Amino acid sequence: MCVTQILLSRSTGSVKLADLGASTQLTDTMTKANTLIGSPCWMAPEIMSQEKYDGKADIWSLGITCLEMATGAPPHYGAHPVQVMNLIVASPPPVLEGEQFSKCFKEFVALCLVKDPEKRPTLTQLLRHAFVKKARKTAEIKLMMQGGTLR
């Protein structure tokens, strides 16, 4: 089963993603991991292919989580984990479709779901994306109207 938790703060409005099933610590001497552990629905293709991976695998997982929040389920949900792994490696990346989603959001998700990790953006690059900038302004306005603060 594929499980990711979305943690929300009532006081600050901050959002954190958590997958408490597995984690790997990278160090100054080890910049890429090579373990095959985690929730298959959110795993990046490079993990499934048993290549070394880094933080860009988390960018893929962010894209899958965005798809899940938008559509109600991650791609390949309900399939056997081995089948999910094969589909992620062999299929083109999933695409967010539907007129109810903004072009900006669709572009953000598409950037996260670039199969080649070398071409996938970094977190710093994603934070500069118009979707994130617009979302932050909206969150700040809502919190100010409610008397909250952002940190």
Protein backbone atom coordinates (compact mmCIF):
# COMPACT_ATOMS: atom_id res chain seq x y z
CA MET A 1 0.00 0.00 0.00
CA CYS A 2 1.18 3.54 -0.76
CA VAL A 3 1.02 5.95 2.18
CA THR A 4 2.25 9.52 2.52
CA GLN A 5 1.20 11.81 5.33
CA ILE A 6 0.50 15.52 4.86
CA LEU A 7 1.05 17.38 8.11
CA LEU A 8 -0.72 20.74 8.53
CA SER A 9 -0.08 23.37 11.19
CA ARG A 10 -3.22 25.11 12.41
CA SER A 11 -1.28 28.00 13.91
CA THR A 12 1.04 28.85 11.01
CA GLY A 13 -0.60 27.27 7.98
CA SER A 14 2.62 25.42 7.15
CA VAL A 15 2.48 22.13 5.29
CA LYS A 16 4.96 19.26 5.60
CA LEU A 17 5.04 15.99 3.71
CA ALA A 18 6.05 12.83 5.52
CA ASP A 19 6.62 9.25 4.52
CA LEU A 20 7.66 7.69 7.77
CA GLY A 21 8.24 4.27 6.26
CA ALA A 22 11.79 4.89 5.12
CA SER A 23 14.49 7.52 5.13
CA THR A 24 18.14 7.81 4.19
CA GLN A 25 20.65 10.29 5.54
CA LEU A 26 23.17 11.68 3.06
CA THR A 27 26.46 13.06 4.33
CA ASP A 28 29.30 15.18 3.01
CA THR A 29 31.06 12.02 1.88
CA MET A 30 27.93 10.27 0.59
CA THR A 31 25.91 12.48 -1.75
CA LYS A 32 23.89 9.71 -3.42
CA ALA A 33 21.96 6.81 -1.92
CA ASN A 34 21.31 3.45 -3.55
CA THR A 35 18.71 1.73 -1.39
CA LEU A 36 15.45 0.38 -2.79
CA ILE A 37 13.03 1.12 0.02
CA GLY A 38 9.95 3.29 0.34
CA SER A 39 6.40 3.63 -0.97
CA PRO A 40 6.36 2.49 -4.62
CA CYS A 41 3.67 4.91 -5.82
CA TRP A 42 5.89 7.87 -4.93
CA MET A 43 9.30 6.41 -5.83
CA ALA A 44 11.33 8.13 -8.53
CA PRO A 45 12.33 6.15 -11.63
CA GLU A 46 16.01 6.27 -10.68
CA ILE A 47 15.24 4.46 -7.42
CA MET A 48 13.26 1.78 -9.24
CA SER A 49 16.14 1.33 -11.69
CA GLN A 50 18.46 0.86 -8.70
CA GLU A 51 20.61 3.83 -9.73
CA LYS A 52 22.20 6.13 -7.20
CA TYR A 53 19.88 8.98 -6.28
CA ASP A 54 19.82 12.21 -4.31
CA GLY A 55 17.31 14.86 -3.26
CA LYS A 56 15.91 15.08 -6.77
CA ALA A 57 14.07 11.82 -6.02
CA ASP A 58 12.11 13.85 -3.45
CA ILE A 59 11.15 16.32 -6.18
CA TRP A 60 9.57 13.42 -8.11
CA SER A 61 7.69 12.40 -4.94
CA LEU A 62 6.46 15.98 -4.55
CA GLY A 63 5.05 15.86 -8.08
CA ILE A 64 3.27 12.58 -7.34
CA THR A 65 1.87 14.04 -4.12
CA CYS A 66 0.56 17.06 -6.06
CA LEU A 67 -1.15 14.67 -8.48
CA GLU A 68 -2.62 12.76 -5.56
CA MET A 69 -3.98 15.91 -3.91
CA ALA A 70 -5.45 17.10 -7.21
CA THR A 71 -7.03 13.81 -8.33
CA GLY A 72 -7.58 11.87 -5.11
CA ALA A 73 -5.02 9.10 -5.75
CA PRO A 74 -1.44 8.74 -6.95
CA PRO A 75 -0.82 7.18 -10.37
CA HIS A 76 -0.99 3.36 -10.34
CA TYR A 77 -2.76 3.34 -6.97
CA GLY A 78 -4.14 -0.10 -6.17
CA ALA A 79 -1.72 -1.96 -8.43
CA HIS A 80 0.64 -4.55 -6.98
CA PRO A 81 3.89 -2.87 -5.80
CA VAL A 82 6.03 -4.79 -8.32
CA GLN A 83 3.70 -3.72 -11.13
CA VAL A 84 3.88 -0.09 -9.90
CA MET A 85 7.67 -0.26 -10.01
CA ASN A 86 7.66 -1.60 -13.57
CA LEU A 87 5.14 1.01 -14.73
CA ILE A 88 7.13 3.90 -13.27
CA VAL A 89 10.29 2.79 -15.06
CA ALA A 90 8.71 1.83 -18.40
CA SER A 91 5.95 4.43 -18.82
CA PRO A 92 6.15 8.12 -19.66
CA PRO A 93 5.80 10.33 -16.58
CA PRO A 94 2.24 10.94 -15.39
CA VAL A 95 0.57 14.17 -16.50
CA LEU A 96 -1.97 16.29 -14.64
CA GLU A 97 -4.91 16.78 -16.96
CA GLY A 98 -8.14 18.71 -16.65
CA GLU A 99 -9.43 22.19 -17.23
CA GLN A 100 -10.06 22.62 -13.51
CA PHE A 101 -6.29 22.90 -12.93
CA SER A 102 -4.36 26.03 -13.79
CA LYS A 103 -1.69 25.97 -16.47
CA CYS A 104 0.78 27.13 -13.81
CA PHE A 105 -0.01 24.16 -11.55
CA LYS A 106 0.20 21.71 -14.45
CA GLU A 107 3.62 23.12 -15.40
CA PHE A 108 4.84 22.82 -11.80
CA VAL A 109 3.77 19.16 -11.62
CA ALA A 110 5.33 18.44 -15.04
CA LEU A 111 8.65 19.92 -13.88
CA CYS A 112 8.64 17.68 -10.80
CA LEU A 113 7.93 14.60 -12.93
CA VAL A 114 10.80 14.81 -15.40
CA LYS A 115 12.12 11.23 -15.55
CA ASP A 116 15.80 12.14 -15.96
CA PRO A 117 16.95 13.39 -12.53
CA GLU A 118 19.72 15.44 -14.16
CA LYS A 119 17.01 17.45 -15.96
CA ARG A 120 14.62 17.60 -12.99
CA PRO A 121 14.74 20.95 -11.17
CA THR A 122 16.19 21.42 -7.71
CA LEU A 123 14.10 22.55 -4.77
CA THR A 124 15.61 26.02 -5.07
CA GLN A 125 14.51 26.22 -8.70
CA LEU A 126 10.99 25.04 -7.82
CA LEU A 127 10.68 27.65 -5.08
CA ARG A 128 11.15 30.30 -7.78
CA HIS A 129 8.32 28.86 -9.89
CA ALA A 130 5.25 31.07 -10.33
CA PHE A 131 2.98 28.43 -8.79
CA VAL A 132 4.90 28.52 -5.48
CA LYS A 133 5.23 32.31 -5.46
CA LYS A 134 1.51 32.78 -6.07
CA ALA A 135 0.56 30.14 -3.49
CA ARG A 136 2.74 31.75 -0.84
CA LYS A 137 1.17 35.16 -1.39
CA THR A 138 -2.29 33.64 -1.13
CA ALA A 139 -1.38 31.83 2.11
CA GLU A 140 0.12 35.00 3.59
CA ILE A 141 -3.03 37.00 2.79
CA LYS A 142 -5.31 34.34 4.32
CA LEU A 143 -3.22 34.12 7.48
CA MET A 144 -3.10 37.90 7.86
CA MET A 145 -6.89 38.03 7.49
CA GLN A 146 -7.18 35.38 10.23
CA GLY A 147 -4.65 37.12 12.47
CA GLY A 148 -2.01 34.41 11.99
CA THR A 149 1.65 34.71 11.16
CA LEU A 150 3.97 32.99 8.71
CA ARG A 151 7.49 32.01 9.71
